[in-house]
Amino acid sequence: MKTYGVSRSTTASPEKVWSVWRDPNNWSRWNSGISSAQADGPIANGTKGKMTTNRGSWHDVTFSNLVEERGFDMSMAGPPMTTFTFSCTITPDGTGSKIAQSVAISGRLRRFSVR
């Protein structure tokens, strides 16, 4: 499995970050790679949804490992025989939060995926 990710510190509290992250309808406002996203109800373990990238491709997604105000994972099919799992985490750091997003690529064709 290959994993790629970034993290940042922010003065925003974990509660404030969570209020933005828990609403996929607003993801396109802060994530430049997403043109739209929606979930079939509040995000929770097992909730399904759709995400459209700025490149115009759309993906069915499933949420898992959700912990209120701390983060979630979101999985989707990638190129044939691969799965992309995005992990979004919020860690309190005393002056705000450390936010991190990463993507793990698994499956038979992972070595040919994103570099």
PDB file of N, CA and C in Angstrom:
ATOM      1  N   MET A   1       0.848  -1.170   0.000  1.00  0.00           N
ATOM      2  CA  MET A   1       0.000   0.000   0.000  1.00  0.00           C
ATOM      3  C   MET A   1       0.895   1.235   0.000  1.00  0.00           C
ATOM      4  N   LYS A   2       0.608   2.195  -0.869  1.00  0.00           N
ATOM      5  CA  LYS A   2       1.319   3.466  -0.898  1.00  0.00           C
ATOM      6  C   LYS A   2       0.450   4.523  -0.230  1.00  0.00           C
ATOM      7  N   THR A   3       1.087   5.434   0.528  1.00  0.00           N
ATOM      8  CA  THR A   3       0.354   6.495   1.215  1.00  0.00           C
ATOM      9  C   THR A   3       1.017   7.831   0.941  1.00  0.00           C
ATOM     10  N   TYR A   4       0.210   8.839   0.676  1.00  0.00           N
ATOM     11  CA  TYR A   4       0.668  10.202   0.445  1.00  0.00           C
ATOM     12  C   TYR A   4      -0.175  11.119   1.314  1.00  0.00           C
ATOM     13  N   GLY A   5       0.424  12.169   1.885  1.00  0.00           N
ATOM     14  CA  GLY A   5      -0.378  13.054   2.712  1.00  0.00           C
ATOM     15  C   GLY A   5       0.301  14.350   3.070  1.00  0.00           C
ATOM     16  N   VAL A   6      -0.481  15.250   3.647  1.00  0.00           N
ATOM     17  CA  VAL A   6      -0.005  16.543   4.122  1.00  0.00           C
ATOM     18  C   VAL A   6      -0.705  16.863   5.435  1.00  0.00           C
ATOM     19  N   SER A   7      -0.074  17.727   6.226  1.00  0.00           N
ATOM     20  CA  SER A   7      -0.715  18.192   7.455  1.00  0.00           C
ATOM     21  C   SER A   7      -0.380  19.662   7.651  1.00  0.00           C
ATOM     22  N   ARG A   8      -1.207  20.322   8.442  1.00  0.00           N
ATOM     23  CA  ARG A   8      -1.033  21.746   8.747  1.00  0.00           C
ATOM     24  C   ARG A   8      -1.529  22.010  10.150  1.00  0.00           C
ATOM     25  N   SER A   9      -0.990  23.043  10.737  1.00  0.00           N
ATOM     26  CA  SER A   9      -1.522  23.531  12.002  1.00  0.00           C
ATOM     27  C   SER A   9      -2.420  24.716  11.717  1.00  0.00           C
ATOM     28  N   THR A  10      -3.458  24.861  12.517  1.00  0.00           N
ATOM     29  CA  THR A  10      -4.390  25.969  12.369  1.00  0.00           C
ATOM     30  C   THR A  10      -4.807  26.442  13.756  1.00  0.00           C
ATOM     31  N   THR A  11      -5.217  27.685  13.836  1.00  0.00           N
ATOM     32  CA  THR A  11      -5.719  28.204  15.115  1.00  0.00           C
ATOM     33  C   THR A  11      -7.167  27.792  15.346  1.00  0.00           C
ATOM     34  N   ALA A  12      -7.798  27.207  14.333  1.00  0.00           N
ATOM     35  CA  ALA A  12      -9.188  26.758  14.475  1.00  0.00           C
ATOM     36  C   ALA A  12      -9.266  25.587  15.447  1.00  0.00           C
ATOM     37  N   SER A  13     -10.283  25.595  16.283  1.00  0.00           N
ATOM     38  CA  SER A  13     -10.485  24.505  17.238  1.00  0.00           C
ATOM     39  C   SER A  13     -10.894  23.233  16.487  1.00  0.00           C
ATOM     40  N   PRO A  14     -10.692  22.054  17.103  1.00  0.00           N
ATOM     41  CA  PRO A  14     -11.176  20.822  16.471  1.00  0.00           C
ATOM     42  C   PRO A  14     -12.669  20.879  16.149  1.00  0.00           C
ATOM     43  N   GLU A  15     -13.450  21.517  17.020  1.00  0.00           N
ATOM     44  CA  GLU A  15     -14.895  21.626  16.780  1.00  0.00           C
ATOM     45  C   GLU A  15     -15.185  22.441  15.523  1.00  0.00           C
ATOM     46  N   LYS A  16     -14.444  23.518  15.312  1.00  0.00           N
ATOM     47  CA  LYS A  16     -14.643  24.367  14.133  1.00  0.00           C
ATOM     48  C   LYS A  16     -14.245  23.621  12.854  1.00  0.00           C
ATOM     49  N   VAL A  17     -13.088  22.944  12.889  1.00  0.00           N
ATOM     50  CA  VAL A  17     -12.668  22.155  11.720  1.00  0.00           C
ATOM     51  C   VAL A  17     -13.718  21.093  11.411  1.00  0.00           C
ATOM     52  N   TRP A  18     -14.189  20.404  12.445  1.00  0.00           N
ATOM     53  CA  TRP A  18     -15.187  19.353  12.244  1.00  0.00           C
ATOM     54  C   TRP A  18     -16.458  19.916  11.619  1.00  0.00           C
ATOM     55  N   SER A  19     -16.862  21.108  12.013  1.00  0.00           N
ATOM     56  CA  SER A  19     -18.089  21.696  11.462  1.00  0.00           C
ATOM     57  C   SER A  19     -17.977  21.914   9.951  1.00  0.00           C
ATOM     58  N   VAL A  20     -16.773  22.109   9.464  1.00  0.00           N
ATOM     59  CA  VAL A  20     -16.540  22.272   8.022  1.00  0.00           C
ATOM     60  C   VAL A  20     -16.419  20.905   7.351  1.00  0.00           C
ATOM     61  N   TRP A  21     -15.648  20.013   7.935  1.00  0.00           N
ATOM     62  CA  TRP A  21     -15.393  18.705   7.329  1.00  0.00           C
ATOM     63  C   TRP A  21     -16.612  17.807   7.295  1.00  0.00           C
ATOM     64  N   ARG A  22     -17.518  17.920   8.252  1.00  0.00           N
ATOM     65  CA  ARG A  22     -18.646  16.982   8.310  1.00  0.00           C
ATOM     66  C   ARG A  22     -19.723  17.276   7.273  1.00  0.00           C
ATOM     67  N   ASP A  23     -19.557  18.345   6.506  1.00  0.00           N
ATOM     68  CA  ASP A  23     -20.564  18.723   5.505  1.00  0.00           C
ATOM     69  C   ASP A  23     -19.989  18.659   4.098  1.00  0.00           C
ATOM     70  N   PRO A  24     -20.086  17.493   3.425  1.00  0.00           N
ATOM     71  CA  PRO A  24     -19.528  17.361   2.075  1.00  0.00           C
ATOM     72  C   PRO A  24     -20.068  18.378   1.073  1.00  0.00           C
ATOM     73  N   ASN A  25     -21.275  18.907   1.299  1.00  0.00           N
ATOM     74  CA  ASN A  25     -21.833  19.894   0.372  1.00  0.00           C
ATOM     75  C   ASN A  25     -20.952  21.142   0.259  1.00  0.00           C
ATOM     76  N   ASN A  26     -20.115  21.387   1.254  1.00  0.00           N
ATOM     77  CA  ASN A  26     -19.250  22.576   1.245  1.00  0.00           C
ATOM     78  C   ASN A  26     -17.789  22.272   0.942  1.00  0.00           C
ATOM     79  N   TRP A  27     -17.442  21.012   0.666  1.00  0.00           N
ATOM     80  CA  TRP A  27     -16.038  20.671   0.434  1.00  0.00           C
ATOM     81  C   TRP A  27     -15.418  21.440  -0.724  1.00  0.00           C
ATOM     82  N   SER A  28     -16.190  21.736  -1.759  1.00  0.00           N
ATOM     83  CA  SER A  28     -15.631  22.455  -2.910  1.00  0.00           C
ATOM     84  C   SER A  28     -15.201  23.879  -2.548  1.00  0.00           C
ATOM     85  N   ARG A  29     -15.670  24.410  -1.438  1.00  0.00           N
ATOM     86  CA  ARG A  29     -15.279  25.760  -1.005  1.00  0.00           C
ATOM     87  C   ARG A  29     -13.858  25.814  -0.474  1.00  0.00           C
ATOM     88  N   TRP A  30     -13.345  24.691   0.049  1.00  0.00           N
ATOM     89  CA  TRP A  30     -12.004  24.708   0.642  1.00  0.00           C
ATOM     90  C   TRP A  30     -11.053  23.687   0.034  1.00  0.00           C
ATOM     91  N   ASN A  31     -11.551  22.752  -0.783  1.00  0.00           N
ATOM     92  CA  ASN A  31     -10.689  21.751  -1.416  1.00  0.00           C
ATOM     93  C   ASN A  31     -10.685  21.999  -2.915  1.00  0.00           C
ATOM     94  N   SER A  32      -9.563  22.497  -3.425  1.00  0.00           N
ATOM     95  CA  SER A  32      -9.483  22.901  -4.829  1.00  0.00           C
ATOM     96  C   SER A  32      -9.612  21.743  -5.809  1.00  0.00           C
ATOM     97  N   GLY A  33      -9.500  20.500  -5.358  1.00  0.00           N
ATOM     98  CA  GLY A  33      -9.616  19.360  -6.254  1.00  0.00           C
ATOM     99  C   GLY A  33     -11.029  18.817  -6.389  1.00  0.00           C
ATOM    100  N   ILE A  34     -11.970  19.367  -5.634  1.00  0.00           N
ATOM    101  CA  ILE A  34     -13.347  18.867  -5.626  1.00  0.00           C
ATOM    102  C   ILE A  34     -14.282  19.931  -6.185  1.00  0.00           C
ATOM    103  N   SER A  35     -15.083  19.543  -7.190  1.00  0.00           N
ATOM    104  CA  SER A  35     -16.076  20.495  -7.697  1.00  0.00           C
ATOM    105  C   SER A  35     -17.406  20.328  -6.980  1.00  0.00           C
ATOM    106  N   SER A  36     -17.708  19.097  -6.506  1.00  0.00           N
ATOM    107  CA  SER A  36     -18.910  18.887  -5.699  1.00  0.00           C
ATOM    108  C   SER A  36     -18.788  17.575  -4.941  1.00  0.00           C
ATOM    109  N   ALA A  37     -19.515  17.501  -3.835  1.00  0.00           N
ATOM    110  CA  ALA A  37     -19.575  16.274  -3.038  1.00  0.00           C
ATOM    111  C   ALA A  37     -20.897  16.265  -2.291  1.00  0.00           C
ATOM    112  N   GLN A  38     -21.393  15.076  -2.037  1.00  0.00           N
ATOM    113  CA  GLN A  38     -22.634  14.940  -1.278  1.00  0.00           C
ATOM    114  C   GLN A  38     -22.634  13.594  -0.588  1.00  0.00           C
ATOM    115  N   ALA A  39     -23.339  13.518   0.498  1.00  0.00           N
ATOM    116  CA  ALA A  39     -23.502  12.263   1.230  1.00  0.00           C
ATOM    117  C   ALA A  39     -24.984  11.960   1.338  1.00  0.00           C
ATOM    118  N   ASP A  40     -25.299  10.668   1.382  1.00  0.00           N
ATOM    119  CA  ASP A  40     -26.686  10.230   1.509  1.00  0.00           C
ATOM    120  C   ASP A  40     -27.090  10.268   2.979  1.00  0.00           C
ATOM    121  N   GLY A  41     -27.070  11.466   3.561  1.00  0.00           N
ATOM    122  CA  GLY A  41     -27.372  11.655   4.976  1.00  0.00           C
ATOM    123  C   GLY A  41     -26.135  12.153   5.691  1.00  0.00           C
ATOM    124  N   PRO A  42     -26.231  12.336   7.004  1.00  0.00           N
ATOM    125  CA  PRO A  42     -25.066  12.791   7.772  1.00  0.00           C
ATOM    126  C   PRO A  42     -23.930  11.779   7.641  1.00  0.00           C
ATOM    127  N   ILE A  43     -22.683  12.267   7.561  1.00  0.00           N
ATOM    128  CA  ILE A  43     -21.595  11.303   7.448  1.00  0.00           C
ATOM    129  C   ILE A  43     -21.492  10.496   8.738  1.00  0.00           C
ATOM    130  N   ALA A  44     -21.392   9.195   8.552  1.00  0.00           N
ATOM    131  CA  ALA A  44     -21.296   8.226   9.639  1.00  0.00           C
ATOM    132  C   ALA A  44     -20.674   6.976   9.032  1.00  0.00           C
ATOM    133  N   ASN A  45     -20.286   6.042   9.862  1.00  0.00           N
ATOM    134  CA  ASN A  45     -19.735   4.798   9.346  1.00  0.00           C
ATOM    135  C   ASN A  45     -20.755   4.131   8.431  1.00  0.00           C
ATOM    136  N   GLY A  46     -20.341   3.841   7.207  1.00  0.00           N
ATOM    137  CA  GLY A  46     -21.220   3.197   6.238  1.00  0.00           C
ATOM    138  C   GLY A  46     -21.995   4.145   5.340  1.00  0.00           C
ATOM    139  N   THR A  47     -22.010   5.448   5.655  1.00  0.00           N
ATOM    140  CA  THR A  47     -22.716   6.395   4.792  1.00  0.00           C
ATOM    141  C   THR A  47     -22.071   6.401   3.413  1.00  0.00           C
ATOM    142  N   LYS A  48     -22.904   6.443   2.395  1.00  0.00           N
ATOM    143  CA  LYS A  48     -22.428   6.494   1.012  1.00  0.00           C
ATOM    144  C   LYS A  48     -22.663   7.884   0.450  1.00  0.00           C
ATOM    145  N   GLY A  49     -21.933   8.222  -0.598  1.00  0.00           N
ATOM    146  CA  GLY A  49     -22.092   9.507  -1.244  1.00  0.00           C
ATOM    147  C   GLY A  49     -21.419   9.525  -2.599  1.00  0.00           C
ATOM    148  N   LYS A  50     -21.334  10.714  -3.171  1.00  0.00           N
ATOM    149  CA  LYS A  50     -20.680  10.916  -4.469  1.00  0.00           C
ATOM    150  C   LYS A  50     -19.776  12.133  -4.378  1.00  0.00           C
ATOM    151  N   MET A  51     -18.663  12.066  -5.107  1.00  0.00           N
ATOM    152  CA  MET A  51     -17.733  13.185  -5.166  1.00  0.00           C
ATOM    153  C   MET A  51     -17.332  13.378  -6.630  1.00  0.00           C
ATOM    154  N   THR A  52     -17.324  14.630  -7.080  1.00  0.00           N
ATOM    155  CA  THR A  52     -16.898  14.963  -8.430  1.00  0.00           C
ATOM    156  C   THR A  52     -15.639  15.816  -8.341  1.00  0.00           C
ATOM    157  N   THR A  53     -14.611  15.415  -9.095  1.00  0.00           N
ATOM    158  CA  THR A  53     -13.355  16.158  -9.082  1.00  0.00           C
ATOM    159  C   THR A  53     -13.421  17.317 -10.066  1.00  0.00           C
ATOM    160  N   ASN A  54     -12.457  18.217  -9.963  1.00  0.00           N
ATOM    161  CA  ASN A  54     -12.386  19.330 -10.914  1.00  0.00           C
ATOM    162  C   ASN A  54     -12.043  18.850 -12.322  1.00  0.00           C
ATOM    163  N   ARG A  55     -11.567  17.633 -12.446  1.00  0.00           N
ATOM    164  CA  ARG A  55     -11.295  17.050 -13.766  1.00  0.00           C
ATOM    165  C   ARG A  55     -12.565  16.489 -14.400  1.00  0.00           C
ATOM    166  N   GLY A  56     -13.667  16.491 -13.641  1.00  0.00           N
ATOM    167  CA  GLY A  56     -14.936  16.032 -14.173  1.00  0.00           C
ATOM    168  C   GLY A  56     -15.258  14.575 -13.908  1.00  0.00           C
ATOM    169  N   SER A  57     -14.369  13.850 -13.235  1.00  0.00           N
ATOM    170  CA  SER A  57     -14.686  12.455 -12.930  1.00  0.00           C
ATOM    171  C   SER A  57     -15.477  12.390 -11.622  1.00  0.00           C
ATOM    172  N   TRP A  58     -16.431  11.471 -11.560  1.00  0.00           N
ATOM    173  CA  TRP A  58     -17.212  11.320 -10.334  1.00  0.00           C
ATOM    174  C   TRP A  58     -16.940   9.945  -9.739  1.00  0.00           C
ATOM    175  N   HIS A  59     -17.083   9.850  -8.429  1.00  0.00           N
ATOM    176  CA  HIS A  59     -16.760   8.627  -7.706  1.00  0.00           C
ATOM    177  C   HIS A  59     -17.795   8.371  -6.618  1.00  0.00           C
ATOM    178  N   ASP A  60     -18.223   7.114  -6.503  1.00  0.00           N
ATOM    179  CA  ASP A  60     -19.023   6.695  -5.355  1.00  0.00           C
ATOM    180  C   ASP A  60     -18.063   6.553  -4.185  1.00  0.00           C
ATOM    181  N   VAL A  61     -18.440   7.071  -3.018  1.00  0.00           N
ATOM    182  CA  VAL A  61     -17.586   7.018  -1.837  1.00  0.00           C
ATOM    183  C   VAL A  61     -18.350   6.386  -0.674  1.00  0.00           C
ATOM    184  N   THR A  62     -17.583   5.826   0.269  1.00  0.00           N
ATOM    185  CA  THR A  62     -18.139   5.257   1.495  1.00  0.00           C
ATOM    186  C   THR A  62     -17.307   5.747   2.669  1.00  0.00           C
ATOM    187  N   PHE A  63     -17.989   6.212   3.713  1.00  0.00           N
ATOM    188  CA  PHE A  63     -17.316   6.721   4.911  1.00  0.00           C
ATOM    189  C   PHE A  63     -17.131   5.607   5.934  1.00  0.00           C
ATOM    190  N   SER A  64     -16.015   5.663   6.665  1.00  0.00           N
ATOM    191  CA  SER A  64     -15.736   4.679   7.706  1.00  0.00           C
ATOM    192  C   SER A  64     -14.815   5.301   8.761  1.00  0.00           C
ATOM    193  N   ASN A  65     -14.619   4.566   9.837  1.00  0.00           N
ATOM    194  CA  ASN A  65     -13.710   4.981  10.918  1.00  0.00           C
ATOM    195  C   ASN A  65     -13.990   6.400  11.411  1.00  0.00           C
ATOM    196  N   LEU A  66     -15.248   6.796  11.406  1.00  0.00           N
ATOM    197  CA  LEU A  66     -15.611   8.144  11.826  1.00  0.00           C
ATOM    198  C   LEU A  66     -15.558   8.272  13.337  1.00  0.00           C
ATOM    199  N   VAL A  67     -14.878   9.318  13.785  1.00  0.00           N
ATOM    200  CA  VAL A  67     -14.843   9.674  15.197  1.00  0.00           C
ATOM    201  C   VAL A  67     -15.186  11.162  15.266  1.00  0.00           C
ATOM    202  N   GLU A  68     -16.306  11.492  15.908  1.00  0.00           N
ATOM    203  CA  GLU A  68     -16.756  12.890  16.007  1.00  0.00           C
ATOM    204  C   GLU A  68     -15.608  13.810  16.414  1.00  0.00           C
ATOM    205  N   GLU A  69     -15.463  14.906  15.694  1.00  0.00           N
ATOM    206  CA  GLU A  69     -14.485  15.958  15.960  1.00  0.00           C
ATOM    207  C   GLU A  69     -13.037  15.484  15.877  1.00  0.00           C
ATOM    208  N   ARG A  70     -12.803  14.271  15.339  1.00  0.00           N
ATOM    209  CA  ARG A  70     -11.424  13.777  15.188  1.00  0.00           C
ATOM    210  C   ARG A  70     -11.127  13.306  13.771  1.00  0.00           C
ATOM    211  N   GLY A  71     -12.174  12.949  12.986  1.00  0.00           N
ATOM    212  CA  GLY A  71     -11.916  12.603  11.598  1.00  0.00           C
ATOM    213  C   GLY A  71     -12.687  11.410  11.083  1.00  0.00           C
ATOM    214  N   PHE A  72     -12.302  11.000   9.870  1.00  0.00           N
ATOM    215  CA  PHE A  72     -12.972   9.902   9.179  1.00  0.00           C
ATOM    216  C   PHE A  72     -12.084   9.415   8.042  1.00  0.00           C
ATOM    217  N   ASP A  73     -12.447   8.254   7.513  1.00  0.00           N
ATOM    218  CA  ASP A  73     -11.873   7.748   6.269  1.00  0.00           C
ATOM    219  C   ASP A  73     -12.976   7.762   5.225  1.00  0.00           C
ATOM    220  N   MET A  74     -12.569   7.887   3.971  1.00  0.00           N
ATOM    221  CA  MET A  74     -13.506   7.856   2.858  1.00  0.00           C
ATOM    222  C   MET A  74     -12.850   7.032   1.757  1.00  0.00           C
ATOM    223  N   SER A  75     -13.508   5.964   1.317  1.00  0.00           N
ATOM    224  CA  SER A  75     -12.940   5.070   0.306  1.00  0.00           C
ATOM    225  C   SER A  75     -13.702   5.168  -0.998  1.00  0.00           C
ATOM    226  N   MET A  76     -12.955   4.932  -2.083  1.00  0.00           N
ATOM    227  CA  MET A  76     -13.570   4.900  -3.409  1.00  0.00           C
ATOM    228  C   MET A  76     -12.716   4.040  -4.325  1.00  0.00           C
ATOM    229  N   ALA A  77     -13.351   3.513  -5.360  1.00  0.00           N
ATOM    230  CA  ALA A  77     -12.623   2.745  -6.362  1.00  0.00           C
ATOM    231  C   ALA A  77     -11.756   3.704  -7.164  1.00  0.00           C
ATOM    232  N   GLY A  78     -10.545   3.256  -7.475  1.00  0.00           N
ATOM    233  CA  GLY A  78      -9.638   4.031  -8.311  1.00  0.00           C
ATOM    234  C   GLY A  78      -9.519   3.377  -9.667  1.00  0.00           C
ATOM    235  N   PRO A  79      -8.344   3.500 -10.291  1.00  0.00           N
ATOM    236  CA  PRO A  79      -8.134   2.781 -11.547  1.00  0.00           C
ATOM    237  C   PRO A  79      -8.422   1.301 -11.326  1.00  0.00           C
ATOM    238  N   PRO A  80      -8.609   0.532 -12.383  1.00  0.00           N
ATOM    239  CA  PRO A  80      -8.953  -0.879 -12.211  1.00  0.00           C
ATOM    240  C   PRO A  80      -8.069  -1.567 -11.165  1.00  0.00           C
ATOM    241  N   MET A  81      -8.720  -2.311 -10.291  1.00  0.00           N
ATOM    242  CA  MET A  81      -8.072  -3.107  -9.253  1.00  0.00           C
ATOM    243  C   MET A  81      -7.333  -2.265  -8.211  1.00  0.00           C
ATOM    244  N   THR A  82      -7.809  -1.044  -7.959  1.00  0.00           N
ATOM    245  CA  THR A  82      -7.236  -0.231  -6.880  1.00  0.00           C
ATOM    246  C   THR A  82      -8.360   0.393  -6.059  1.00  0.00           C
ATOM    247  N   THR A  83      -8.042   0.711  -4.823  1.00  0.00           N
ATOM    248  CA  THR A  83      -8.945   1.446  -3.940  1.00  0.00           C
ATOM    249  C   THR A  83      -8.171   2.606  -3.351  1.00  0.00           C
ATOM    250  N   PHE A  84      -8.769   3.779  -3.363  1.00  0.00           N
ATOM    251  CA  PHE A  84      -8.202   4.953  -2.711  1.00  0.00           C
ATOM    252  C   PHE A  84      -8.936   5.130  -1.384  1.00  0.00           C
ATOM    253  N   THR A  85      -8.200   5.245  -0.287  1.00  0.00           N
ATOM    254  CA  THR A  85      -8.797   5.525   1.010  1.00  0.00           C
ATOM    255  C   THR A  85      -8.200   6.820   1.530  1.00  0.00           C
ATOM    256  N   PHE A  86      -9.040   7.831   1.637  1.00  0.00           N
ATOM    257  CA  PHE A  86      -8.623   9.133   2.142  1.00  0.00           C
ATOM    258  C   PHE A  86      -8.860   9.168   3.643  1.00  0.00           C
ATOM    259  N   SER A  87      -7.841   9.550   4.404  1.00  0.00           N
ATOM    260  CA  SER A  87      -7.967   9.698   5.851  1.00  0.00           C
ATOM    261  C   SER A  87      -7.877  11.176   6.181  1.00  0.00           C
ATOM    262  N   CYS A  88      -8.839  11.666   6.928  1.00  0.00           N
ATOM    263  CA  CYS A  88      -8.895  13.069   7.330  1.00  0.00           C
ATOM    264  C   CYS A  88      -8.904  13.093   8.856  1.00  0.00           C
ATOM    265  N   THR A  89      -7.844  13.664   9.461  1.00  0.00           N
ATOM    266  CA  THR A  89      -7.742  13.635  10.924  1.00  0.00           C
ATOM    267  C   THR A  89      -7.563  15.030  11.499  1.00  0.00           C
ATOM    268  N   ILE A  90      -8.100  15.199  12.687  1.00  0.00           N
ATOM    269  CA  ILE A  90      -8.010  16.453  13.445  1.00  0.00           C
ATOM    270  C   ILE A  90      -7.417  16.103  14.800  1.00  0.00           C
ATOM    271  N   THR A  91      -6.318  16.768  15.152  1.00  0.00           N
ATOM    272  CA  THR A  91      -5.676  16.530  16.445  1.00  0.00           C
ATOM    273  C   THR A  91      -5.570  17.853  17.196  1.00  0.00           C
ATOM    274  N   PRO A  92      -6.140  17.965  18.402  1.00  0.00           N
ATOM    275  CA  PRO A  92      -5.975  19.200  19.173  1.00  0.00           C
ATOM    276  C   PRO A  92      -4.488  19.416  19.450  1.00  0.00           C
ATOM    277  N   ASP A  93      -4.036  20.687  19.363  1.00  0.00           N
ATOM    278  CA  ASP A  93      -2.615  20.929  19.646  1.00  0.00           C
ATOM    279  C   ASP A  93      -2.376  22.050  20.648  1.00  0.00           C
ATOM    280  N   GLY A  94      -3.379  22.409  21.408  1.00  0.00           N
ATOM    281  CA  GLY A  94      -3.204  23.428  22.446  1.00  0.00           C
ATOM    282  C   GLY A  94      -3.570  24.821  21.989  1.00  0.00           C
ATOM    283  N   THR A  95      -3.149  25.208  20.796  1.00  0.00           N
ATOM    284  CA  THR A  95      -3.481  26.539  20.270  1.00  0.00           C
ATOM    285  C   THR A  95      -4.504  26.459  19.155  1.00  0.00           C
ATOM    286  N   GLY A  96      -4.971  25.280  18.868  1.00  0.00           N
ATOM    287  CA  GLY A  96      -5.926  25.064  17.789  1.00  0.00           C
ATOM    288  C   GLY A  96      -5.956  23.599  17.424  1.00  0.00           C
ATOM    289  N   SER A  97      -5.584  23.301  16.175  1.00  0.00           N
ATOM    290  CA  SER A  97      -5.639  21.925  15.687  1.00  0.00           C
ATOM    291  C   SER A  97      -4.526  21.656  14.693  1.00  0.00           C
ATOM    292  N   LYS A  98      -4.159  20.402  14.612  1.00  0.00           N
ATOM    293  CA  LYS A  98      -3.340  19.929  13.504  1.00  0.00           C
ATOM    294  C   LYS A  98      -4.297  19.143  12.633  1.00  0.00           C
ATOM    295  N   ILE A  99      -4.399  19.520  11.369  1.00  0.00           N
ATOM    296  CA  ILE A  99      -5.271  18.803  10.455  1.00  0.00           C
ATOM    297  C   ILE A  99      -4.402  18.070   9.446  1.00  0.00           C
ATOM    298  N   ALA A 100      -4.811  16.877   9.100  1.00  0.00           N
ATOM    299  CA  ALA A 100      -4.033  16.064   8.166  1.00  0.00           C
ATOM    300  C   ALA A 100      -4.976  15.342   7.221  1.00  0.00           C
ATOM    301  N   GLN A 101      -4.535  15.241   5.973  1.00  0.00           N
ATOM    302  CA  GLN A 101      -5.253  14.454   4.987  1.00  0.00           C
ATOM    303  C   GLN A 101      -4.227  13.610   4.255  1.00  0.00           C
ATOM    304  N   SER A 102      -4.573  12.357   4.057  1.00  0.00           N
ATOM    305  CA  SER A 102      -3.695  11.465   3.318  1.00  0.00           C
ATOM    306  C   SER A 102      -4.541  10.540   2.462  1.00  0.00           C
ATOM    307  N   VAL A 103      -3.889   9.937   1.487  1.00  0.00           N
ATOM    308  CA  VAL A 103      -4.562   8.944   0.659  1.00  0.00           C
ATOM    309  C   VAL A 103      -3.681   7.710   0.617  1.00  0.00           C
ATOM    310  N   ALA A 104      -4.290   6.559   0.866  1.00  0.00           N
ATOM    311  CA  ALA A 104      -3.612   5.275   0.759  1.00  0.00           C
ATOM    312  C   ALA A 104      -4.170   4.575  -0.470  1.00  0.00           C
ATOM    313  N   ILE A 105      -3.283   4.067  -1.281  1.00  0.00           N
ATOM    314  CA  ILE A 105      -3.681   3.389  -2.511  1.00  0.00           C
ATOM    315  C   ILE A 105      -3.383   1.911  -2.338  1.00  0.00           C
ATOM    316  N   SER A 106      -4.422   1.089  -2.446  1.00  0.00           N
ATOM    317  CA  SER A 106      -4.246  -0.347  -2.273  1.00  0.00           C
ATOM    318  C   SER A 106      -4.825  -1.084  -3.470  1.00  0.00           C
ATOM    319  N   GLY A 107      -4.431  -2.318  -3.619  1.00  0.00           N
ATOM    320  CA  GLY A 107      -4.917  -3.134  -4.719  1.00  0.00           C
ATOM    321  C   GLY A 107      -3.793  -3.553  -5.634  1.00  0.00           C
ATOM    322  N   ARG A 108      -4.122  -4.337  -6.614  1.00  0.00           N
ATOM    323  CA  ARG A 108      -3.110  -4.929  -7.500  1.00  0.00           C
ATOM    324  C   ARG A 108      -2.366  -3.908  -8.350  1.00  0.00           C
ATOM    325  N   LEU A 109      -3.001  -2.800  -8.726  1.00  0.00           N
ATOM    326  CA  LEU A 109      -2.339  -1.834  -9.610  1.00  0.00           C
ATOM    327  C   LEU A 109      -1.827  -0.600  -8.876  1.00  0.00           C
ATOM    328  N   ARG A 110      -1.674  -0.653  -7.551  1.00  0.00           N
ATOM    329  CA  ARG A 110      -1.270   0.510  -6.766  1.00  0.00           C
ATOM    330  C   ARG A 110       0.065   1.079  -7.197  1.00  0.00           C
ATOM    331  N   ARG A 111       0.985   0.261  -7.642  1.00  0.00           N
ATOM    332  CA  ARG A 111       2.317   0.759  -8.010  1.00  0.00           C
ATOM    333  C   ARG A 111       2.277   1.647  -9.244  1.00  0.00           C
ATOM    334  N   PHE A 112       1.220   1.561 -10.041  1.00  0.00           N
ATOM    335  CA  PHE A 112       1.110   2.390 -11.233  1.00  0.00           C
ATOM    336  C   PHE A 112       0.268   3.636 -11.000  1.00  0.00           C
ATOM    337  N   SER A 113      -0.186   3.827  -9.763  1.00  0.00           N
ATOM    338  CA  SER A 113      -1.073   4.942  -9.434  1.00  0.00           C
ATOM    339  C   SER A 113      -0.289   6.222  -9.186  1.00  0.00           C
ATOM    340  N   VAL A 114      -0.978   7.214  -8.692  1.00  0.00           N
ATOM    341  CA  VAL A 114      -0.484   8.562  -8.437  1.00  0.00           C
ATOM    342  C   VAL A 114       0.942   8.563  -7.904  1.00  0.00           C
ATOM    343  N   ARG A 115       1.742   9.438  -8.415  1.00  0.00           N
ATOM    344  CA  ARG A 115       3.113   9.646  -7.917  1.00  0.00           C
ATOM    345  C   ARG A 115       3.255  11.041  -7.423  1.00  0.00           C
TER     346      ARG A 115
END
